[in-house]
Amino acid sequence: MAEYMIFFNQQWVPDYPASDFPEIARDARALSEEMKAAGVLVFAGGLEETPPLAHADATGGELVVADGPYSRPAEWLGGFAIIDVETEEEARRWTGALAVACRWPQELRAFGAGSIRG
């Protein structure tokens, strides 16, 4: 099995009317349940629509933990799902299913060989 992260940046979410989001949430939850039933879902969640709470940096030789983002990117992570599947093809299918359920683009990335699982 291989683990993948499917994610979207908050800026990729179209300006849907607020009335559309209950249906989108329902469809995304239903897909999450389908992923759990298939035994591929490790974790999924949307992030709060706020800037990062804090960042930590030890590159200067001393640990600094400060409020807010480390950088001021034009885009930030909006939500993600971690899946554990047999093939990249299967990961691509789940990525497509999430794009349909959420109604906005999703991106797929593979975890590296040195990944650590809890």
N, C-alpha and C. Protein backbone atom coordinates (compact mmCIF):
# COMPACT_ATOMS: atom_id res chain seq x y z
N MET A 1 0.85 -1.18 0.00
CA MET A 1 0.00 0.00 0.00
C MET A 1 0.90 1.24 0.00
N ALA A 2 0.39 2.31 -0.57
CA ALA A 2 1.11 3.58 -0.62
C ALA A 2 0.18 4.68 -0.14
N GLU A 3 0.76 5.64 0.56
CA GLU A 3 -0.05 6.74 1.08
C GLU A 3 0.10 7.97 0.19
N TYR A 4 -1.01 8.63 0.01
CA TYR A 4 -1.08 9.83 -0.79
C TYR A 4 -1.85 10.91 -0.03
N MET A 5 -1.57 12.15 -0.37
CA MET A 5 -2.33 13.27 0.16
C MET A 5 -3.07 13.92 -0.99
N ILE A 6 -4.37 14.04 -0.83
CA ILE A 6 -5.21 14.76 -1.77
C ILE A 6 -5.55 16.08 -1.08
N PHE A 7 -5.35 17.20 -1.75
CA PHE A 7 -5.57 18.47 -1.07
C PHE A 7 -6.06 19.55 -2.04
N PHE A 8 -6.54 20.63 -1.43
CA PHE A 8 -6.91 21.80 -2.21
C PHE A 8 -6.44 23.04 -1.46
N ASN A 9 -6.16 24.08 -2.21
CA ASN A 9 -5.86 25.38 -1.62
C ASN A 9 -7.16 26.16 -1.51
N GLN A 10 -7.30 26.93 -0.47
CA GLN A 10 -8.54 27.67 -0.22
C GLN A 10 -8.93 28.54 -1.41
N GLN A 11 -7.95 29.09 -2.09
CA GLN A 11 -8.23 29.98 -3.22
C GLN A 11 -8.80 29.26 -4.43
N TRP A 12 -8.78 27.94 -4.43
CA TRP A 12 -9.34 27.17 -5.55
C TRP A 12 -10.84 26.99 -5.41
N VAL A 13 -11.39 27.32 -4.26
CA VAL A 13 -12.83 27.14 -4.01
C VAL A 13 -13.58 28.28 -4.70
N PRO A 14 -14.45 27.96 -5.64
CA PRO A 14 -15.21 29.01 -6.32
C PRO A 14 -16.11 29.78 -5.34
N ASP A 15 -16.55 30.92 -5.78
CA ASP A 15 -17.43 31.75 -4.96
C ASP A 15 -18.87 31.26 -5.06
N TYR A 16 -19.11 30.09 -4.49
CA TYR A 16 -20.46 29.56 -4.47
C TYR A 16 -21.30 30.35 -3.47
N PRO A 17 -22.60 30.43 -3.69
CA PRO A 17 -23.45 31.03 -2.66
C PRO A 17 -23.42 30.15 -1.40
N ALA A 18 -23.57 30.77 -0.25
CA ALA A 18 -23.53 30.04 1.02
C ALA A 18 -24.55 28.90 1.03
N SER A 19 -25.65 29.07 0.31
CA SER A 19 -26.69 28.04 0.29
C SER A 19 -26.22 26.74 -0.38
N ASP A 20 -25.14 26.78 -1.17
CA ASP A 20 -24.62 25.57 -1.82
C ASP A 20 -23.79 24.70 -0.88
N PHE A 21 -23.23 25.28 0.16
CA PHE A 21 -22.27 24.54 0.98
C PHE A 21 -22.86 23.40 1.80
N PRO A 22 -24.09 23.46 2.27
CA PRO A 22 -24.63 22.27 2.95
C PRO A 22 -24.67 21.04 2.04
N GLU A 23 -25.03 21.22 0.77
CA GLU A 23 -25.06 20.10 -0.17
C GLU A 23 -23.65 19.61 -0.47
N ILE A 24 -22.71 20.53 -0.64
CA ILE A 24 -21.32 20.15 -0.89
C ILE A 24 -20.78 19.37 0.31
N ALA A 25 -21.05 19.86 1.52
CA ALA A 25 -20.59 19.18 2.74
C ALA A 25 -21.20 17.78 2.83
N ARG A 26 -22.47 17.66 2.50
CA ARG A 26 -23.14 16.35 2.53
C ARG A 26 -22.46 15.39 1.57
N ASP A 27 -22.19 15.85 0.35
CA ASP A 27 -21.55 15.00 -0.65
C ASP A 27 -20.12 14.62 -0.24
N ALA A 28 -19.39 15.57 0.34
CA ALA A 28 -18.02 15.28 0.79
C ALA A 28 -18.03 14.29 1.94
N ARG A 29 -18.98 14.44 2.87
CA ARG A 29 -19.08 13.48 3.98
C ARG A 29 -19.45 12.09 3.47
N ALA A 30 -20.36 12.04 2.52
CA ALA A 30 -20.76 10.74 1.95
C ALA A 30 -19.56 10.07 1.28
N LEU A 31 -18.76 10.84 0.55
CA LEU A 31 -17.58 10.26 -0.08
C LEU A 31 -16.58 9.80 0.98
N SER A 32 -16.42 10.56 2.05
CA SER A 32 -15.52 10.15 3.14
C SER A 32 -15.98 8.81 3.72
N GLU A 33 -17.28 8.65 3.89
CA GLU A 33 -17.81 7.39 4.39
C GLU A 33 -17.53 6.25 3.40
N GLU A 34 -17.66 6.54 2.12
CA GLU A 34 -17.35 5.53 1.09
C GLU A 34 -15.87 5.15 1.14
N MET A 35 -15.00 6.14 1.34
CA MET A 35 -13.57 5.88 1.44
C MET A 35 -13.25 5.05 2.68
N LYS A 36 -13.92 5.36 3.79
CA LYS A 36 -13.73 4.56 5.01
C LYS A 36 -14.17 3.12 4.79
N ALA A 37 -15.34 2.94 4.16
CA ALA A 37 -15.86 1.60 3.90
C ALA A 37 -14.92 0.81 2.98
N ALA A 38 -14.25 1.51 2.06
CA ALA A 38 -13.31 0.85 1.15
C ALA A 38 -11.97 0.58 1.82
N GLY A 39 -11.79 1.11 3.03
CA GLY A 39 -10.55 0.87 3.77
C GLY A 39 -9.36 1.69 3.30
N VAL A 40 -9.61 2.82 2.60
CA VAL A 40 -8.50 3.62 2.08
C VAL A 40 -8.28 4.92 2.83
N LEU A 41 -9.26 5.38 3.58
CA LEU A 41 -9.14 6.68 4.24
C LEU A 41 -8.32 6.57 5.52
N VAL A 42 -7.27 7.36 5.61
CA VAL A 42 -6.47 7.46 6.82
C VAL A 42 -6.98 8.63 7.65
N PHE A 43 -7.18 9.79 7.01
CA PHE A 43 -7.68 10.98 7.69
C PHE A 43 -8.12 11.97 6.63
N ALA A 44 -9.15 12.76 6.94
CA ALA A 44 -9.58 13.83 6.06
C ALA A 44 -10.12 14.97 6.89
N GLY A 45 -9.93 16.19 6.41
CA GLY A 45 -10.49 17.32 7.11
C GLY A 45 -10.25 18.62 6.37
N GLY A 46 -11.16 19.55 6.61
CA GLY A 46 -11.01 20.90 6.10
C GLY A 46 -10.40 21.75 7.19
N LEU A 47 -9.62 22.73 6.79
CA LEU A 47 -8.98 23.62 7.74
C LEU A 47 -9.80 24.89 7.91
N GLU A 48 -9.69 25.50 9.07
CA GLU A 48 -10.38 26.77 9.32
C GLU A 48 -9.92 27.79 8.29
N GLU A 49 -10.85 28.65 7.88
CA GLU A 49 -10.53 29.66 6.87
C GLU A 49 -9.87 30.88 7.50
N THR A 50 -8.84 30.64 8.26
CA THR A 50 -8.07 31.71 8.89
C THR A 50 -6.61 31.49 8.57
N PRO A 51 -5.80 32.53 8.68
CA PRO A 51 -4.37 32.32 8.48
C PRO A 51 -3.83 31.35 9.53
N PRO A 52 -2.67 30.76 9.28
CA PRO A 52 -2.09 29.86 10.28
C PRO A 52 -1.99 30.53 11.65
N LEU A 53 -2.18 29.74 12.70
CA LEU A 53 -2.14 30.27 14.06
C LEU A 53 -0.72 30.63 14.48
N ALA A 54 0.25 29.82 14.05
CA ALA A 54 1.63 30.05 14.46
C ALA A 54 2.56 29.33 13.50
N HIS A 55 3.82 29.69 13.61
CA HIS A 55 4.87 28.96 12.87
C HIS A 55 6.05 28.76 13.80
N ALA A 56 6.84 27.76 13.51
CA ALA A 56 8.05 27.48 14.29
C ALA A 56 9.23 27.41 13.33
N ASP A 57 10.34 28.05 13.71
CA ASP A 57 11.52 28.09 12.85
C ASP A 57 12.77 27.94 13.71
N ALA A 58 13.57 26.95 13.40
CA ALA A 58 14.83 26.74 14.11
C ALA A 58 16.03 26.87 13.17
N THR A 59 15.83 27.43 11.99
CA THR A 59 16.91 27.50 11.00
C THR A 59 18.02 28.46 11.41
N GLY A 60 17.75 29.39 12.30
CA GLY A 60 18.77 30.34 12.76
C GLY A 60 19.56 29.84 13.94
N GLY A 61 19.37 28.57 14.32
CA GLY A 61 20.10 28.01 15.44
C GLY A 61 19.35 28.09 16.76
N GLU A 62 18.28 28.86 16.80
CA GLU A 62 17.46 28.99 18.00
C GLU A 62 15.99 28.87 17.59
N LEU A 63 15.23 28.15 18.37
CA LEU A 63 13.82 27.96 18.05
C LEU A 63 13.05 29.25 18.29
N VAL A 64 12.29 29.65 17.28
CA VAL A 64 11.40 30.80 17.40
C VAL A 64 10.01 30.31 17.02
N VAL A 65 9.07 30.46 17.94
CA VAL A 65 7.66 30.14 17.68
C VAL A 65 6.92 31.47 17.74
N ALA A 66 6.25 31.82 16.64
CA ALA A 66 5.60 33.12 16.56
C ALA A 66 4.20 32.96 15.98
N ASP A 67 3.38 33.96 16.20
CA ASP A 67 2.02 33.97 15.67
C ASP A 67 2.04 34.12 14.16
N GLY A 68 1.03 33.56 13.52
CA GLY A 68 0.82 33.77 12.10
C GLY A 68 1.63 32.87 11.20
N PRO A 69 1.50 33.10 9.89
CA PRO A 69 2.18 32.25 8.92
C PRO A 69 3.68 32.53 8.87
N TYR A 70 4.42 31.54 8.40
CA TYR A 70 5.86 31.69 8.21
C TYR A 70 6.15 32.64 7.05
N SER A 71 5.35 32.51 6.01
CA SER A 71 5.49 33.38 4.85
C SER A 71 4.11 33.92 4.50
N ARG A 72 4.06 34.80 3.58
CA ARG A 72 2.79 35.38 3.13
C ARG A 72 2.45 34.86 1.73
N PRO A 73 2.06 33.58 1.65
CA PRO A 73 1.79 33.00 0.32
C PRO A 73 0.49 33.54 -0.27
N ALA A 74 0.41 33.48 -1.58
CA ALA A 74 -0.82 33.89 -2.27
C ALA A 74 -1.92 32.86 -2.06
N GLU A 75 -1.55 31.61 -1.78
CA GLU A 75 -2.52 30.53 -1.56
C GLU A 75 -2.16 29.80 -0.30
N TRP A 76 -3.17 29.22 0.36
CA TRP A 76 -2.91 28.41 1.54
C TRP A 76 -3.81 27.20 1.53
N LEU A 77 -3.37 26.17 2.23
CA LEU A 77 -4.07 24.89 2.28
C LEU A 77 -5.46 25.06 2.86
N GLY A 78 -6.45 24.50 2.18
CA GLY A 78 -7.83 24.60 2.64
C GLY A 78 -8.33 23.30 3.26
N GLY A 79 -7.85 22.18 2.79
CA GLY A 79 -8.28 20.89 3.34
C GLY A 79 -7.53 19.77 2.65
N PHE A 80 -7.62 18.58 3.26
CA PHE A 80 -6.86 17.47 2.71
C PHE A 80 -7.43 16.14 3.16
N ALA A 81 -7.01 15.10 2.46
CA ALA A 81 -7.33 13.72 2.83
C ALA A 81 -6.06 12.91 2.64
N ILE A 82 -5.79 12.04 3.59
CA ILE A 82 -4.68 11.10 3.47
C ILE A 82 -5.31 9.74 3.17
N ILE A 83 -4.86 9.12 2.07
CA ILE A 83 -5.39 7.82 1.69
C ILE A 83 -4.25 6.81 1.59
N ASP A 84 -4.59 5.56 1.76
CA ASP A 84 -3.64 4.46 1.67
C ASP A 84 -4.22 3.47 0.67
N VAL A 85 -3.63 3.42 -0.53
CA VAL A 85 -4.18 2.62 -1.62
C VAL A 85 -3.08 1.78 -2.27
N GLU A 86 -3.50 0.83 -3.07
CA GLU A 86 -2.56 -0.08 -3.74
C GLU A 86 -1.79 0.60 -4.87
N THR A 87 -2.46 1.45 -5.66
CA THR A 87 -1.83 1.98 -6.86
C THR A 87 -2.08 3.47 -7.02
N GLU A 88 -1.24 4.09 -7.83
CA GLU A 88 -1.44 5.50 -8.16
C GLU A 88 -2.76 5.68 -8.91
N GLU A 89 -3.10 4.74 -9.75
CA GLU A 89 -4.36 4.82 -10.49
C GLU A 89 -5.54 4.92 -9.53
N GLU A 90 -5.52 4.10 -8.47
CA GLU A 90 -6.59 4.16 -7.48
C GLU A 90 -6.58 5.51 -6.77
N ALA A 91 -5.40 6.04 -6.45
CA ALA A 91 -5.30 7.36 -5.82
C ALA A 91 -5.89 8.43 -6.74
N ARG A 92 -5.63 8.31 -8.02
CA ARG A 92 -6.18 9.28 -8.99
C ARG A 92 -7.71 9.20 -9.03
N ARG A 93 -8.25 7.98 -8.94
CA ARG A 93 -9.72 7.84 -8.94
C ARG A 93 -10.34 8.54 -7.73
N TRP A 94 -9.73 8.35 -6.54
CA TRP A 94 -10.27 9.01 -5.34
C TRP A 94 -10.10 10.53 -5.43
N THR A 95 -9.01 10.98 -6.04
CA THR A 95 -8.81 12.42 -6.23
C THR A 95 -9.92 12.99 -7.10
N GLY A 96 -10.25 12.30 -8.17
CA GLY A 96 -11.34 12.73 -9.03
C GLY A 96 -12.68 12.72 -8.32
N ALA A 97 -12.91 11.70 -7.51
CA ALA A 97 -14.17 11.63 -6.76
C ALA A 97 -14.28 12.79 -5.79
N LEU A 98 -13.17 13.18 -5.16
CA LEU A 98 -13.21 14.33 -4.25
C LEU A 98 -13.46 15.63 -5.01
N ALA A 99 -12.87 15.76 -6.19
CA ALA A 99 -13.10 16.96 -6.99
C ALA A 99 -14.58 17.09 -7.36
N VAL A 100 -15.21 15.97 -7.66
CA VAL A 100 -16.64 15.98 -7.99
C VAL A 100 -17.47 16.30 -6.75
N ALA A 101 -17.20 15.63 -5.63
CA ALA A 101 -17.98 15.83 -4.41
C ALA A 101 -17.85 17.26 -3.89
N CYS A 102 -16.63 17.79 -3.91
CA CYS A 102 -16.40 19.13 -3.37
C CYS A 102 -16.71 20.24 -4.38
N ARG A 103 -16.68 19.88 -5.66
CA ARG A 103 -16.95 20.83 -6.73
C ARG A 103 -15.87 21.89 -6.91
N TRP A 104 -14.61 21.51 -6.55
CA TRP A 104 -13.46 22.36 -6.84
C TRP A 104 -12.23 21.48 -7.02
N PRO A 105 -11.17 22.04 -7.62
CA PRO A 105 -9.99 21.24 -7.94
C PRO A 105 -9.34 20.61 -6.71
N GLN A 106 -8.74 19.46 -6.94
CA GLN A 106 -7.98 18.75 -5.92
C GLN A 106 -6.62 18.40 -6.53
N GLU A 107 -5.62 18.31 -5.70
CA GLU A 107 -4.29 17.92 -6.16
C GLU A 107 -3.84 16.67 -5.42
N LEU A 108 -3.10 15.81 -6.10
CA LEU A 108 -2.64 14.55 -5.53
C LEU A 108 -1.13 14.58 -5.40
N ARG A 109 -0.63 14.23 -4.22
CA ARG A 109 0.82 14.11 -4.00
C ARG A 109 1.09 12.80 -3.29
N ALA A 110 2.20 12.17 -3.63
CA ALA A 110 2.62 10.93 -2.96
C ALA A 110 3.55 11.27 -1.80
N PHE A 111 3.46 10.51 -0.72
CA PHE A 111 4.40 10.68 0.37
C PHE A 111 5.72 10.00 -0.02
N GLY A 112 6.82 10.55 0.44
CA GLY A 112 8.13 10.00 0.15
C GLY A 112 8.41 8.72 0.92
N ALA A 113 9.45 8.04 0.50
CA ALA A 113 9.82 6.75 1.09
C ALA A 113 10.17 6.87 2.56
N GLY A 114 10.62 8.03 3.01
CA GLY A 114 11.02 8.20 4.41
C GLY A 114 9.89 8.64 5.33
N SER A 115 8.64 8.56 4.87
CA SER A 115 7.51 9.00 5.67
C SER A 115 7.36 8.12 6.91
N ILE A 116 6.90 8.73 7.97
CA ILE A 116 6.73 8.02 9.25
C ILE A 116 5.23 7.98 9.57
N ARG A 117 4.76 6.82 9.90
CA ARG A 117 3.36 6.65 10.25
C ARG A 117 3.26 6.37 11.73
N GLY A 118 2.28 7.00 12.38
CA GLY A 118 2.11 6.86 13.83
C GLY A 118 1.53 5.54 14.24
